[in-house]
Amino acid sequence: MTAQRKEQIRALLKGIETGDEASTYVVNPDKYIQHNPQTQEGGEGLAALFKRLAKSSPRVNIVRIFSDGDYVFGHTEYEFSSSRVGFEVFRFEGDQTVEHWDNIQSRKGPNLSGHSMVDGESEVRDIEKTETNRELVRAFVSDVLIDGQQQNLPQFVSTETYIEHNPRLADGLSSLEAALVLKTSDAGAYIQYNRLHRLLADGNFVLSVCEGYLDGVHSSFYDLYRLSSGKIVEHWDTTEKVPPQSEWKNDNGKF
């Protein structure tokens, strides 16, 4: 069933290119909970969105796709009127998806180390370490990102090999540490993680969904980590502003 669900989500996302309403049949319109604040509730709202987007001749590339129990989550790049990168998360009940979250931002980079927001490793390995890796990232998010214990970075992030895909940063632990210790935006983007909402894991990959602020703007942080030998060795992310509730097209919230 896992492979089938992944293929259904691939078809759904590729349906953005064509506006094909049939691609949305994987969505259960009676149960579907939409967490994209700019999209209407239900399968009908999704089909209308796809038809609208198709008029701009978009291109969709699913770079990575993973599964965790009833969840399928993907790392994607989009070409609409501009280039964007995002994460898509779907929750299934049986053969249909009943809930959706996403986090999409404008594509930037390459960064100072020459990495784009999507290149790098994509093969899922170490399935037997899924839960161990999930708990390591949980501790990292709690201790370092939320509680600000930057001195503990070497406990979680490799000091030998750390590949960074954030367009503002560079490879190596020092660049990450410098970004996390900022307390004002004078020297760069001030990042504040306040709450962990979800952790999804598939072998050596773990996706965290967090809420916080970027330079004082209420934001959603999606961070994808690749782990090896008990340490984080590669990182991708997207950051998206959470719109005010007055602009929402559904009442489900971003998270």
C-alpha atoms as a PDB file:
ATOM      1  CA  MET A   1       0.000   0.000   0.000  1.00  0.00           C
ATOM      2  CA  THR A   2       2.923   2.351   0.692  1.00  0.00           C
ATOM      3  CA  ALA A   3       4.147   2.241  -2.904  1.00  0.00           C
ATOM      4  CA  GLN A   4       0.608   2.730  -4.215  1.00  0.00           C
ATOM      5  CA  ARG A   5       0.064   5.769  -2.023  1.00  0.00           C
ATOM      6  CA  LYS A   6       3.338   7.311  -3.187  1.00  0.00           C
ATOM      7  CA  GLU A   7       2.334   6.857  -6.814  1.00  0.00           C
ATOM      8  CA  GLN A   8      -1.077   8.366  -6.128  1.00  0.00           C
ATOM      9  CA  ILE A   9       0.558  11.450  -4.633  1.00  0.00           C
ATOM     10  CA  ARG A  10       2.995  11.687  -7.536  1.00  0.00           C
ATOM     11  CA  ALA A  11       0.025  11.640  -9.924  1.00  0.00           C
ATOM     12  CA  LEU A  12      -1.822  14.204  -7.818  1.00  0.00           C
ATOM     13  CA  LEU A  13       1.077  16.655  -7.799  1.00  0.00           C
ATOM     14  CA  LYS A  14       1.801  16.175 -11.488  1.00  0.00           C
ATOM     15  CA  GLY A  15      -1.873  16.956 -12.095  1.00  0.00           C
ATOM     16  CA  ILE A  16      -0.998  20.557 -11.291  1.00  0.00           C
ATOM     17  CA  GLU A  17       0.700  20.690 -14.691  1.00  0.00           C
ATOM     18  CA  THR A  18      -2.346  19.576 -16.643  1.00  0.00           C
ATOM     19  CA  GLY A  19      -5.250  20.611 -14.451  1.00  0.00           C
ATOM     20  CA  ASP A  20      -6.520  17.029 -14.783  1.00  0.00           C
ATOM     21  CA  GLU A  21      -9.422  16.665 -12.379  1.00  0.00           C
ATOM     22  CA  ALA A  22      -8.931  12.871 -12.332  1.00  0.00           C
ATOM     23  CA  SER A  23      -5.658  13.338 -10.469  1.00  0.00           C
ATOM     24  CA  THR A  24      -7.646  14.616  -7.481  1.00  0.00           C
ATOM     25  CA  TYR A  25      -9.687  11.413  -7.146  1.00  0.00           C
ATOM     26  CA  VAL A  26      -7.203  10.234  -4.497  1.00  0.00           C
ATOM     27  CA  VAL A  27      -8.693  12.977  -2.313  1.00  0.00           C
ATOM     28  CA  ASN A  28     -11.707  12.050  -0.203  1.00  0.00           C
ATOM     29  CA  PRO A  29     -13.924  15.156  -0.623  1.00  0.00           C
ATOM     30  CA  ASP A  30     -16.132  14.220   2.331  1.00  0.00           C
ATOM     31  CA  LYS A  31     -13.277  14.028   4.833  1.00  0.00           C
ATOM     32  CA  TYR A  32     -10.533  16.149   3.298  1.00  0.00           C
ATOM     33  CA  ILE A  33      -9.015  18.683   5.714  1.00  0.00           C
ATOM     34  CA  GLN A  34      -7.020  21.375   3.930  1.00  0.00           C
ATOM     35  CA  HIS A  35      -4.306  23.220   5.864  1.00  0.00           C
ATOM     36  CA  ASN A  36      -3.115  25.462   3.049  1.00  0.00           C
ATOM     37  CA  PRO A  37      -4.785  28.721   4.091  1.00  0.00           C
ATOM     38  CA  GLN A  38      -5.016  29.852   0.461  1.00  0.00           C
ATOM     39  CA  THR A  39      -6.972  26.789  -0.742  1.00  0.00           C
ATOM     40  CA  GLN A  40     -10.637  26.014  -0.247  1.00  0.00           C
ATOM     41  CA  GLU A  41     -11.764  22.912   1.624  1.00  0.00           C
ATOM     42  CA  GLY A  42     -12.399  19.554  -0.071  1.00  0.00           C
ATOM     43  CA  GLY A  43     -11.566  17.878  -3.355  1.00  0.00           C
ATOM     44  CA  GLU A  44     -13.635  20.374  -5.319  1.00  0.00           C
ATOM     45  CA  GLY A  45     -11.493  23.234  -4.067  1.00  0.00           C
ATOM     46  CA  LEU A  46      -8.339  21.346  -5.011  1.00  0.00           C
ATOM     47  CA  ALA A  47      -9.614  20.616  -8.531  1.00  0.00           C
ATOM     48  CA  ALA A  48     -10.440  24.294  -9.020  1.00  0.00           C
ATOM     49  CA  LEU A  49      -6.952  25.243  -7.811  1.00  0.00           C
ATOM     50  CA  PHE A  50      -5.323  22.813 -10.256  1.00  0.00           C
ATOM     51  CA  LYS A  51      -7.327  24.183 -13.182  1.00  0.00           C
ATOM     52  CA  ARG A  52      -6.333  27.723 -12.275  1.00  0.00           C
ATOM     53  CA  LEU A  53      -2.656  26.843 -11.879  1.00  0.00           C
ATOM     54  CA  ALA A  54      -2.585  24.873 -15.155  1.00  0.00           C
ATOM     55  CA  LYS A  55      -3.319  28.069 -17.089  1.00  0.00           C
ATOM     56  CA  SER A  56       0.173  29.323 -16.263  1.00  0.00           C
ATOM     57  CA  SER A  57       1.814  26.191 -17.811  1.00  0.00           C
ATOM     58  CA  PRO A  58       3.437  25.108 -14.544  1.00  0.00           C
ATOM     59  CA  ARG A  59       6.053  22.415 -14.139  1.00  0.00           C
ATOM     60  CA  VAL A  60       6.254  20.122 -11.119  1.00  0.00           C
ATOM     61  CA  ASN A  61       9.181  17.917 -10.127  1.00  0.00           C
ATOM     62  CA  ILE A  62       8.949  15.584  -7.142  1.00  0.00           C
ATOM     63  CA  VAL A  63      12.569  15.428  -6.001  1.00  0.00           C
ATOM     64  CA  ARG A  64      12.038  13.159  -2.990  1.00  0.00           C
ATOM     65  CA  ILE A  65       9.061  11.238  -1.670  1.00  0.00           C
ATOM     66  CA  PHE A  66       8.730   9.398   1.623  1.00  0.00           C
ATOM     67  CA  SER A  67       6.196   7.548   3.738  1.00  0.00           C
ATOM     68  CA  ASP A  68       5.589   7.259   7.468  1.00  0.00           C
ATOM     69  CA  GLY A  69       2.611   5.141   8.495  1.00  0.00           C
ATOM     70  CA  ASP A  70      -0.462   6.832   7.035  1.00  0.00           C
ATOM     71  CA  TYR A  71       1.552   9.838   5.854  1.00  0.00           C
ATOM     72  CA  VAL A  72       3.191  10.462   2.494  1.00  0.00           C
ATOM     73  CA  PHE A  73       5.447  13.497   2.274  1.00  0.00           C
ATOM     74  CA  GLY A  74       7.353  14.919  -0.644  1.00  0.00           C
ATOM     75  CA  HIS A  75      10.048  17.472  -1.445  1.00  0.00           C
ATOM     76  CA  THR A  76       9.075  19.285  -4.618  1.00  0.00           C
ATOM     77  CA  GLU A  77      10.093  22.061  -6.981  1.00  0.00           C
ATOM     78  CA  TYR A  78       7.606  24.128  -8.954  1.00  0.00           C
ATOM     79  CA  GLU A  79       7.816  26.420 -11.936  1.00  0.00           C
ATOM     80  CA  PHE A  80       4.795  28.710 -11.948  1.00  0.00           C
ATOM     81  CA  SER A  81       5.239  32.353 -12.870  1.00  0.00           C
ATOM     82  CA  SER A  82       8.296  32.010 -10.645  1.00  0.00           C
ATOM     83  CA  SER A  83      10.419  29.151  -9.330  1.00  0.00           C
ATOM     84  CA  ARG A  84       9.429  27.722  -5.950  1.00  0.00           C
ATOM     85  CA  VAL A  85      10.394  24.872  -3.633  1.00  0.00           C
ATOM     86  CA  GLY A  86       8.069  23.144  -1.214  1.00  0.00           C
ATOM     87  CA  PHE A  87       7.168  20.260   1.035  1.00  0.00           C
ATOM     88  CA  GLU A  88       3.815  18.476   0.730  1.00  0.00           C
ATOM     89  CA  VAL A  89       2.362  16.255   3.465  1.00  0.00           C
ATOM     90  CA  PHE A  90      -0.692  14.024   3.005  1.00  0.00           C
ATOM     91  CA  ARG A  91      -2.468  11.823   5.541  1.00  0.00           C
ATOM     92  CA  PHE A  92      -4.271   8.749   4.228  1.00  0.00           C
ATOM     93  CA  GLU A  93      -7.199   6.692   5.379  1.00  0.00           C
ATOM     94  CA  GLY A  94      -7.288   3.574   3.235  1.00  0.00           C
ATOM     95  CA  ASP A  95      -6.874   4.382  -0.457  1.00  0.00           C
ATOM     96  CA  GLN A  96      -7.591   8.094  -0.168  1.00  0.00           C
ATOM     97  CA  THR A  97      -5.949  11.095   1.384  1.00  0.00           C
ATOM     98  CA  VAL A  98      -8.002  12.953   3.959  1.00  0.00           C
ATOM     99  CA  GLU A  99      -5.668  15.724   5.144  1.00  0.00           C
ATOM    100  CA  HIS A 100      -3.005  17.970   3.596  1.00  0.00           C
ATOM    101  CA  TRP A 101      -0.316  20.400   4.738  1.00  0.00           C
ATOM    102  CA  ASP A 102       2.341  22.213   2.722  1.00  0.00           C
ATOM    103  CA  ASN A 103       5.095  24.803   2.977  1.00  0.00           C
ATOM    104  CA  ILE A 104       6.289  26.604  -0.151  1.00  0.00           C
ATOM    105  CA  GLN A 105       8.744  29.434  -0.677  1.00  0.00           C
ATOM    106  CA  SER A 106      10.439  31.217  -3.574  1.00  0.00           C
ATOM    107  CA  ARG A 107      13.510  29.440  -4.842  1.00  0.00           C
ATOM    108  CA  LYS A 108      16.793  31.124  -3.962  1.00  0.00           C
ATOM    109  CA  GLY A 109      20.461  30.263  -4.245  1.00  0.00           C
ATOM    110  CA  PRO A 110      22.735  28.502  -4.864  1.00  0.00           C
ATOM    111  CA  ASN A 111      24.223  29.128  -1.449  1.00  0.00           C
ATOM    112  CA  LEU A 112      27.826  29.931  -0.577  1.00  0.00           C
ATOM    113  CA  SER A 113      28.754  26.240  -0.853  1.00  0.00           C
ATOM    114  CA  GLY A 114      27.182  25.938  -4.302  1.00  0.00           C
ATOM    115  CA  HIS A 115      24.158  23.872  -3.231  1.00  0.00           C
ATOM    116  CA  SER A 116      20.639  24.432  -4.482  1.00  0.00           C
ATOM    117  CA  MET A 117      17.559  24.061  -2.299  1.00  0.00           C
ATOM    118  CA  VAL A 118      16.839  20.563  -3.681  1.00  0.00           C
ATOM    119  CA  ASP A 119      20.034  18.824  -4.833  1.00  0.00           C
ATOM    120  CA  GLY A 120      21.823  16.190  -2.773  1.00  0.00           C
ATOM    121  CA  GLU A 121      21.058  12.697  -1.517  1.00  0.00           C
ATOM    122  CA  SER A 122      17.591  11.239  -2.049  1.00  0.00           C
ATOM    123  CA  GLU A 123      17.878   7.482  -1.437  1.00  0.00           C
ATOM    124  CA  VAL A 124      16.100   6.194   1.656  1.00  0.00           C
ATOM    125  CA  ARG A 125      18.322   3.910   3.724  1.00  0.00           C
ATOM    126  CA  ASP A 126      18.528   2.564   7.281  1.00  0.00           C
ATOM    127  CA  ILE A 127      14.822   1.812   7.608  1.00  0.00           C
ATOM    128  CA  GLU A 128      15.551  -0.018  10.850  1.00  0.00           C
ATOM    129  CA  LYS A 129      16.848   3.259  12.319  1.00  0.00           C
ATOM    130  CA  THR A 130      13.701   5.265  11.541  1.00  0.00           C
ATOM    131  CA  GLU A 131      12.573   5.663  15.152  1.00  0.00           C
ATOM    132  CA  THR A 132      16.075   6.312  16.465  1.00  0.00           C
ATOM    133  CA  ASN A 133      16.564   9.044  13.881  1.00  0.00           C
ATOM    134  CA  ARG A 134      13.148  10.520  14.635  1.00  0.00           C
ATOM    135  CA  GLU A 135      13.977  10.819  18.325  1.00  0.00           C
ATOM    136  CA  LEU A 136      17.388  12.367  17.634  1.00  0.00           C
ATOM    137  CA  VAL A 137      15.771  15.084  15.525  1.00  0.00           C
ATOM    138  CA  ARG A 138      13.086  15.566  18.176  1.00  0.00           C
ATOM    139  CA  ALA A 139      15.792  16.206  20.759  1.00  0.00           C
ATOM    140  CA  PHE A 140      17.679  18.503  18.376  1.00  0.00           C
ATOM    141  CA  VAL A 141      14.609  20.623  17.651  1.00  0.00           C
ATOM    142  CA  SER A 142      13.708  20.822  21.340  1.00  0.00           C
ATOM    143  CA  ASP A 143      17.164  21.472  22.782  1.00  0.00           C
ATOM    144  CA  VAL A 144      18.825  23.548  20.073  1.00  0.00           C
ATOM    145  CA  LEU A 145      16.164  25.180  17.911  1.00  0.00           C
ATOM    146  CA  ILE A 146      13.493  25.894  20.530  1.00  0.00           C
ATOM    147  CA  ASP A 147      15.447  26.109  23.796  1.00  0.00           C
ATOM    148  CA  GLY A 148      18.468  27.786  22.179  1.00  0.00           C
ATOM    149  CA  GLN A 149      21.103  25.411  23.532  1.00  0.00           C
ATOM    150  CA  GLN A 150      23.510  25.988  20.634  1.00  0.00           C
ATOM    151  CA  GLN A 151      26.409  24.566  22.646  1.00  0.00           C
ATOM    152  CA  ASN A 152      24.782  21.157  22.178  1.00  0.00           C
ATOM    153  CA  LEU A 153      24.987  21.292  18.366  1.00  0.00           C
ATOM    154  CA  PRO A 154      27.881  18.771  18.150  1.00  0.00           C
ATOM    155  CA  GLN A 155      25.698  16.199  19.941  1.00  0.00           C
ATOM    156  CA  PHE A 156      23.289  16.210  16.998  1.00  0.00           C
ATOM    157  CA  VAL A 157      25.094  17.564  13.922  1.00  0.00           C
ATOM    158  CA  SER A 158      28.199  15.998  12.409  1.00  0.00           C
ATOM    159  CA  THR A 159      31.352  18.019  12.949  1.00  0.00           C
ATOM    160  CA  GLU A 160      32.989  16.242   9.993  1.00  0.00           C
ATOM    161  CA  THR A 161      30.354  16.365   7.236  1.00  0.00           C
ATOM    162  CA  TYR A 162      27.406  18.734   7.283  1.00  0.00           C
ATOM    163  CA  ILE A 163      25.874  19.695   3.908  1.00  0.00           C
ATOM    164  CA  GLU A 164      23.633  22.751   3.971  1.00  0.00           C
ATOM    165  CA  HIS A 165      20.994  23.603   1.332  1.00  0.00           C
ATOM    166  CA  ASN A 166      19.547  26.706   2.961  1.00  0.00           C
ATOM    167  CA  PRO A 167      20.310  29.525   0.466  1.00  0.00           C
ATOM    168  CA  ARG A 168      21.534  31.866   3.230  1.00  0.00           C
ATOM    169  CA  LEU A 169      23.983  29.430   4.805  1.00  0.00           C
ATOM    170  CA  ALA A 170      26.998  27.299   3.927  1.00  0.00           C
ATOM    171  CA  ASP A 171      28.322  23.830   4.694  1.00  0.00           C
ATOM    172  CA  GLY A 172      29.775  23.139   8.105  1.00  0.00           C
ATOM    173  CA  LEU A 173      28.690  23.542  11.690  1.00  0.00           C
ATOM    174  CA  SER A 174      30.014  27.091  12.099  1.00  0.00           C
ATOM    175  CA  SER A 175      27.598  28.593   9.552  1.00  0.00           C
ATOM    176  CA  LEU A 176      24.613  26.934  11.213  1.00  0.00           C
ATOM    177  CA  GLU A 177      25.730  28.014  14.681  1.00  0.00           C
ATOM    178  CA  ALA A 178      26.218  31.617  13.552  1.00  0.00           C
ATOM    179  CA  ALA A 179      22.673  31.732  12.168  1.00  0.00           C
ATOM    180  CA  LEU A 180      21.115  30.278  15.305  1.00  0.00           C
ATOM    181  CA  VAL A 181      22.840  32.586  17.789  1.00  0.00           C
ATOM    182  CA  LEU A 182      21.620  35.793  16.104  1.00  0.00           C
ATOM    183  CA  LYS A 183      19.354  37.777  18.403  1.00  0.00           C
ATOM    184  CA  THR A 184      18.647  40.673  16.036  1.00  0.00           C
ATOM    185  CA  SER A 185      18.179  40.873  12.275  1.00  0.00           C
ATOM    186  CA  ASP A 186      20.977  43.429  11.840  1.00  0.00           C
ATOM    187  CA  ALA A 187      23.477  40.839  10.645  1.00  0.00           C
ATOM    188  CA  GLY A 188      21.034  38.455   8.970  1.00  0.00           C
ATOM    189  CA  ALA A 189      17.722  36.669   9.403  1.00  0.00           C
ATOM    190  CA  TYR A 190      16.732  36.275  13.049  1.00  0.00           C
ATOM    191  CA  ILE A 191      15.151  32.823  13.442  1.00  0.00           C
ATOM    192  CA  GLN A 192      12.950  31.917  16.407  1.00  0.00           C
ATOM    193  CA  TYR A 193      11.512  28.390  16.723  1.00  0.00           C
ATOM    194  CA  ASN A 194       8.639  28.229  19.203  1.00  0.00           C
ATOM    195  CA  ARG A 195       6.771  24.953  18.699  1.00  0.00           C
ATOM    196  CA  LEU A 196       7.249  21.544  17.102  1.00  0.00           C
ATOM    197  CA  HIS A 197       4.015  20.368  15.482  1.00  0.00           C
ATOM    198  CA  ARG A 198       5.015  17.188  13.667  1.00  0.00           C
ATOM    199  CA  LEU A 199       7.910  14.818  12.969  1.00  0.00           C
ATOM    200  CA  LEU A 200       7.764  12.462   9.988  1.00  0.00           C
ATOM    201  CA  ALA A 201      10.514   9.912   9.432  1.00  0.00           C
ATOM    202  CA  ASP A 202      11.508   7.385   6.787  1.00  0.00           C
ATOM    203  CA  GLY A 203      14.824   5.671   7.428  1.00  0.00           C
ATOM    204  CA  ASN A 204      17.647   8.206   7.277  1.00  0.00           C
ATOM    205  CA  PHE A 205      15.334  11.153   6.488  1.00  0.00           C
ATOM    206  CA  VAL A 206      13.301  13.117   9.041  1.00  0.00           C
ATOM    207  CA  LEU A 207      10.993  16.077   8.356  1.00  0.00           C
ATOM    208  CA  SER A 208      10.142  18.478  11.174  1.00  0.00           C
ATOM    209  CA  VAL A 209       7.220  20.921  11.020  1.00  0.00           C
ATOM    210  CA  CYS A 210       7.662  23.896  13.333  1.00  0.00           C
ATOM    211  CA  GLU A 211       6.089  27.245  14.079  1.00  0.00           C
ATOM    212  CA  GLY A 212       7.912  30.427  14.974  1.00  0.00           C
ATOM    213  CA  TYR A 213       9.116  33.751  13.644  1.00  0.00           C
ATOM    214  CA  LEU A 214      11.565  34.913  10.983  1.00  0.00           C
ATOM    215  CA  ASP A 215      12.583  38.520  11.571  1.00  0.00           C
ATOM    216  CA  GLY A 216       9.419  39.003  13.594  1.00  0.00           C
ATOM    217  CA  VAL A 217       7.095  37.513  10.958  1.00  0.00           C
ATOM    218  CA  HIS A 218       4.891  34.592  12.034  1.00  0.00           C
ATOM    219  CA  SER A 219       6.274  31.686   9.995  1.00  0.00           C
ATOM    220  CA  SER A 220       6.119  27.977   9.315  1.00  0.00           C
ATOM    221  CA  PHE A 221       9.438  26.108   9.197  1.00  0.00           C
ATOM    222  CA  TYR A 222       9.719  22.766   7.395  1.00  0.00           C
ATOM    223  CA  ASP A 223      13.166  21.194   7.851  1.00  0.00           C
ATOM    224  CA  LEU A 224      14.290  17.969   6.195  1.00  0.00           C
ATOM    225  CA  TYR A 225      17.293  16.229   7.746  1.00  0.00           C
ATOM    226  CA  ARG A 226      19.394  13.347   6.475  1.00  0.00           C
ATOM    227  CA  LEU A 227      21.153  11.351   9.162  1.00  0.00           C
ATOM    228  CA  SER A 228      24.114   9.008   9.129  1.00  0.00           C
ATOM    229  CA  SER A 229      25.777   7.192  12.029  1.00  0.00           C
ATOM    230  CA  GLY A 230      23.594   8.948  14.567  1.00  0.00           C
ATOM    231  CA  LYS A 231      24.246  12.512  13.395  1.00  0.00           C
ATOM    232  CA  ILE A 232      22.584  15.035  11.080  1.00  0.00           C
ATOM    233  CA  VAL A 233      24.721  15.284   7.937  1.00  0.00           C
ATOM    234  CA  GLU A 234      22.488  17.161   5.461  1.00  0.00           C
ATOM    235  CA  HIS A 235      19.673  19.712   5.675  1.00  0.00           C
ATOM    236  CA  TRP A 236      17.022  21.248   3.404  1.00  0.00           C
ATOM    237  CA  ASP A 237      14.258  23.642   4.396  1.00  0.00           C
ATOM    238  CA  THR A 238      11.492  26.013   3.402  1.00  0.00           C
ATOM    239  CA  THR A 239      10.052  28.947   5.326  1.00  0.00           C
ATOM    240  CA  GLU A 240       6.624  30.406   4.666  1.00  0.00           C
ATOM    241  CA  LYS A 241       4.780  33.330   6.208  1.00  0.00           C
ATOM    242  CA  VAL A 242       1.605  32.317   8.019  1.00  0.00           C
ATOM    243  CA  PRO A 243      -1.092  34.650   6.675  1.00  0.00           C
ATOM    244  CA  PRO A 244      -3.460  36.413   9.074  1.00  0.00           C
ATOM    245  CA  GLN A 245      -6.678  34.536   9.729  1.00  0.00           C
ATOM    246  CA  SER A 246      -8.668  37.192   7.878  1.00  0.00           C
ATOM    247  CA  GLU A 247      -7.069  35.938   4.637  1.00  0.00           C
ATOM    248  CA  TRP A 248      -7.729  32.219   5.148  1.00  0.00           C
ATOM    249  CA  LYS A 249      -9.975  30.357   2.702  1.00  0.00           C
ATOM    250  CA  ASN A 250     -10.587  27.577   5.219  1.00  0.00           C
ATOM    251  CA  ASP A 251     -10.743  27.408   9.008  1.00  0.00           C
ATOM    252  CA  ASN A 252      -8.256  24.603   9.659  1.00  0.00           C
ATOM    253  CA  GLY A 253      -5.103  26.573  10.379  1.00  0.00           C
ATOM    254  CA  LYS A 254      -1.633  26.182   8.882  1.00  0.00           C
ATOM    255  CA  PHE A 255      -0.597  23.396  11.270  1.00  0.00           C
END
